[in-house]
Amino acid sequence: MTADRSSTAPTSAGDLRHTLIGGVVLTVMLLVASLFALALGDGTSSSHRAVAFTAAVCGAGSGAGWIISRWPCRAPATAVAASIAAVFSRLAIPLIALAWLQTEGRVYREAGADRLLAGFYLLLWATDIVLNIIFTKKTAGSRHITIAN
């Protein structure tokens, strides 16, 4: 019995396609949330900056989490590590931004970035969960590759 030395497997075209489709869906949801927040905002430049800040933070965290969670892994331990890393990136980036808003980002906080951060995060997290459920069912027939989430 030989040990498998590579912890990652080459991605198939279907997995790459699912990853790209999921990235596009997350980006569209972020765009819709941003447009909705802009429409409900007071129209000031600080409100616009708060929406842009929130979209950048939540988009970075969600995008990084999505890419990490879609990383193909041969070993179950590697898949668990990728899942933990994906959750950490999805959660840590917005939490760091929220901590910054409470200490230094007074202008963004007064414009409502803290509330937007919570809303954008929850929307993208729910979208990510649905995408993982959909694409895990489609890739369940693969015996050699384990997707992280």
Protein backbone atom coordinates (compact mmCIF):
# COMPACT_ATOMS: atom_id res chain seq x y z
CA MET A 1 0.00 0.00 0.00
CA THR A 2 1.51 3.31 -1.05
CA ALA A 3 0.77 6.64 0.51
CA ASP A 4 -0.87 9.30 -1.60
CA ARG A 5 1.62 12.15 -1.57
CA SER A 6 -0.51 14.77 -3.30
CA SER A 7 -3.20 16.31 -1.15
CA THR A 8 -4.92 18.02 -4.03
CA ALA A 9 -6.35 16.55 -7.17
CA PRO A 10 -6.49 18.19 -10.56
CA THR A 11 -9.77 19.99 -11.04
CA SER A 12 -12.12 18.69 -13.64
CA ALA A 13 -13.84 20.97 -16.11
CA GLY A 14 -17.15 20.46 -14.29
CA ASP A 15 -15.71 21.46 -10.93
CA LEU A 16 -14.11 24.56 -12.43
CA ARG A 17 -17.38 25.43 -14.14
CA HIS A 18 -19.29 25.05 -10.86
CA THR A 19 -16.73 27.24 -9.10
CA LEU A 20 -17.05 29.95 -11.75
CA ILE A 21 -20.86 29.77 -11.77
CA GLY A 22 -20.91 30.07 -7.98
CA GLY A 23 -18.56 33.04 -8.11
CA VAL A 24 -20.80 34.76 -10.63
CA VAL A 25 -23.91 34.05 -8.52
CA LEU A 26 -22.23 35.44 -5.40
CA THR A 27 -21.12 38.54 -7.33
CA VAL A 28 -24.62 39.09 -8.69
CA MET A 29 -26.11 38.75 -5.21
CA LEU A 30 -23.56 41.26 -3.90
CA LEU A 31 -24.44 43.66 -6.72
CA VAL A 32 -28.18 43.30 -6.03
CA ALA A 33 -27.64 43.89 -2.31
CA SER A 34 -25.49 46.95 -3.07
CA LEU A 35 -28.07 48.43 -5.43
CA PHE A 36 -30.82 47.75 -2.91
CA ALA A 37 -28.79 49.42 -0.13
CA LEU A 38 -28.04 52.41 -2.36
CA ALA A 39 -31.73 52.76 -3.24
CA LEU A 40 -32.74 52.69 0.43
CA GLY A 41 -29.90 54.94 1.56
CA ASP A 42 -30.07 58.68 2.04
CA GLY A 43 -28.06 59.42 -1.12
CA THR A 44 -25.13 61.11 0.58
CA SER A 45 -21.56 60.36 -0.37
CA SER A 46 -20.87 58.86 3.06
CA SER A 47 -23.75 56.45 2.53
CA HIS A 48 -22.33 55.48 -0.86
CA ARG A 49 -18.88 54.95 0.68
CA ALA A 50 -20.40 52.79 3.42
CA VAL A 51 -22.11 50.58 0.82
CA ALA A 52 -18.87 50.32 -1.18
CA PHE A 53 -16.87 49.47 1.95
CA THR A 54 -19.37 46.83 3.00
CA ALA A 55 -19.55 45.30 -0.46
CA ALA A 56 -15.75 45.10 -0.69
CA VAL A 57 -15.39 43.48 2.74
CA CYS A 58 -18.20 40.97 2.32
CA GLY A 59 -17.27 40.26 -1.29
CA ALA A 60 -13.66 39.52 -0.33
CA GLY A 61 -14.64 37.23 2.53
CA SER A 62 -17.33 35.40 0.60
CA GLY A 63 -15.22 35.07 -2.54
CA ALA A 64 -12.23 33.72 -0.64
CA GLY A 65 -14.46 31.30 1.27
CA TRP A 66 -16.11 30.08 -1.92
CA ILE A 67 -12.82 29.44 -3.71
CA ILE A 68 -11.32 27.67 -0.70
CA SER A 69 -14.43 25.53 -0.19
CA ARG A 70 -14.38 24.41 -3.82
CA TRP A 71 -10.73 23.32 -3.63
CA PRO A 72 -10.60 19.62 -4.62
CA CYS A 73 -9.00 17.39 -1.99
CA ARG A 74 -8.05 13.72 -2.11
CA ALA A 75 -7.84 13.13 1.62
CA PRO A 76 -10.75 13.70 4.02
CA ALA A 77 -8.42 15.48 6.44
CA THR A 78 -7.49 17.97 3.74
CA ALA A 79 -11.17 18.52 2.96
CA VAL A 80 -11.87 19.24 6.64
CA ALA A 81 -8.94 21.67 6.77
CA ALA A 82 -10.23 23.41 3.63
CA SER A 83 -13.71 23.65 5.16
CA ILE A 84 -12.32 25.23 8.31
CA ALA A 85 -10.22 27.66 6.27
CA ALA A 86 -13.26 28.59 4.16
CA VAL A 87 -15.40 29.27 7.22
CA PHE A 88 -12.56 31.25 8.80
CA SER A 89 -12.14 33.49 5.75
CA ARG A 90 -15.89 34.01 5.38
CA LEU A 91 -16.16 35.01 9.03
CA ALA A 92 -12.82 36.62 9.91
CA ILE A 93 -12.74 39.28 7.20
CA PRO A 94 -16.16 40.80 8.11
CA LEU A 95 -15.43 40.48 11.85
CA ILE A 96 -12.13 42.32 11.47
CA ALA A 97 -13.95 45.02 9.51
CA LEU A 98 -16.64 45.22 12.21
CA ALA A 99 -13.99 45.59 14.91
CA TRP A 100 -12.36 48.35 12.87
CA LEU A 101 -15.72 50.09 12.48
CA GLN A 102 -16.17 50.09 16.25
CA THR A 103 -12.76 51.62 16.93
CA GLU A 104 -11.61 53.71 13.97
CA GLY A 105 -14.31 53.80 11.29
CA ARG A 106 -16.62 56.38 12.84
CA VAL A 107 -17.63 57.93 9.50
CA TYR A 108 -18.58 54.55 8.01
CA ARG A 109 -20.31 53.47 11.23
CA GLU A 110 -22.41 56.64 11.30
CA ALA A 111 -23.39 56.00 7.68
CA GLY A 112 -24.68 52.54 8.67
CA ALA A 113 -21.86 50.29 7.48
CA ASP A 114 -22.14 48.09 10.57
CA ARG A 115 -25.77 47.24 9.83
CA LEU A 116 -25.03 46.77 6.14
CA LEU A 117 -22.15 44.49 7.03
CA ALA A 118 -24.46 42.16 8.93
CA GLY A 119 -27.05 42.14 6.15
CA PHE A 120 -24.58 41.59 3.32
CA TYR A 121 -22.77 38.88 5.28
CA LEU A 122 -25.98 36.94 5.98
CA LEU A 123 -27.18 37.23 2.38
CA LEU A 124 -23.89 36.00 0.93
CA TRP A 125 -23.61 33.26 3.54
CA ALA A 126 -27.09 31.94 2.70
CA THR A 127 -26.27 32.08 -1.01
CA ASP A 128 -23.02 30.20 -0.37
CA ILE A 129 -24.85 27.48 1.56
CA VAL A 130 -27.39 27.01 -1.23
CA LEU A 131 -24.64 26.88 -3.86
CA ASN A 132 -22.68 24.30 -1.86
CA ILE A 133 -25.79 22.14 -1.52
CA ILE A 134 -26.56 22.35 -5.23
CA PHE A 135 -23.03 21.68 -6.44
CA THR A 136 -22.28 18.99 -3.86
CA LYS A 137 -25.23 16.99 -5.14
CA LYS A 138 -23.95 17.34 -8.70
CA THR A 139 -20.42 16.19 -7.80
CA ALA A 140 -21.44 13.42 -5.40
CA GLY A 141 -20.70 10.74 -8.00
CA SER A 142 -16.98 11.44 -7.94
CA ARG A 143 -15.17 8.82 -5.85
CA HIS A 144 -11.69 10.32 -6.04
CA ILE A 145 -12.23 13.95 -5.19
CA THR A 146 -13.74 15.34 -2.03
CA ILE A 147 -15.03 18.91 -2.16
CA ALA A 148 -14.41 20.76 1.08
CA ASN A 149 -17.99 21.82 1.87
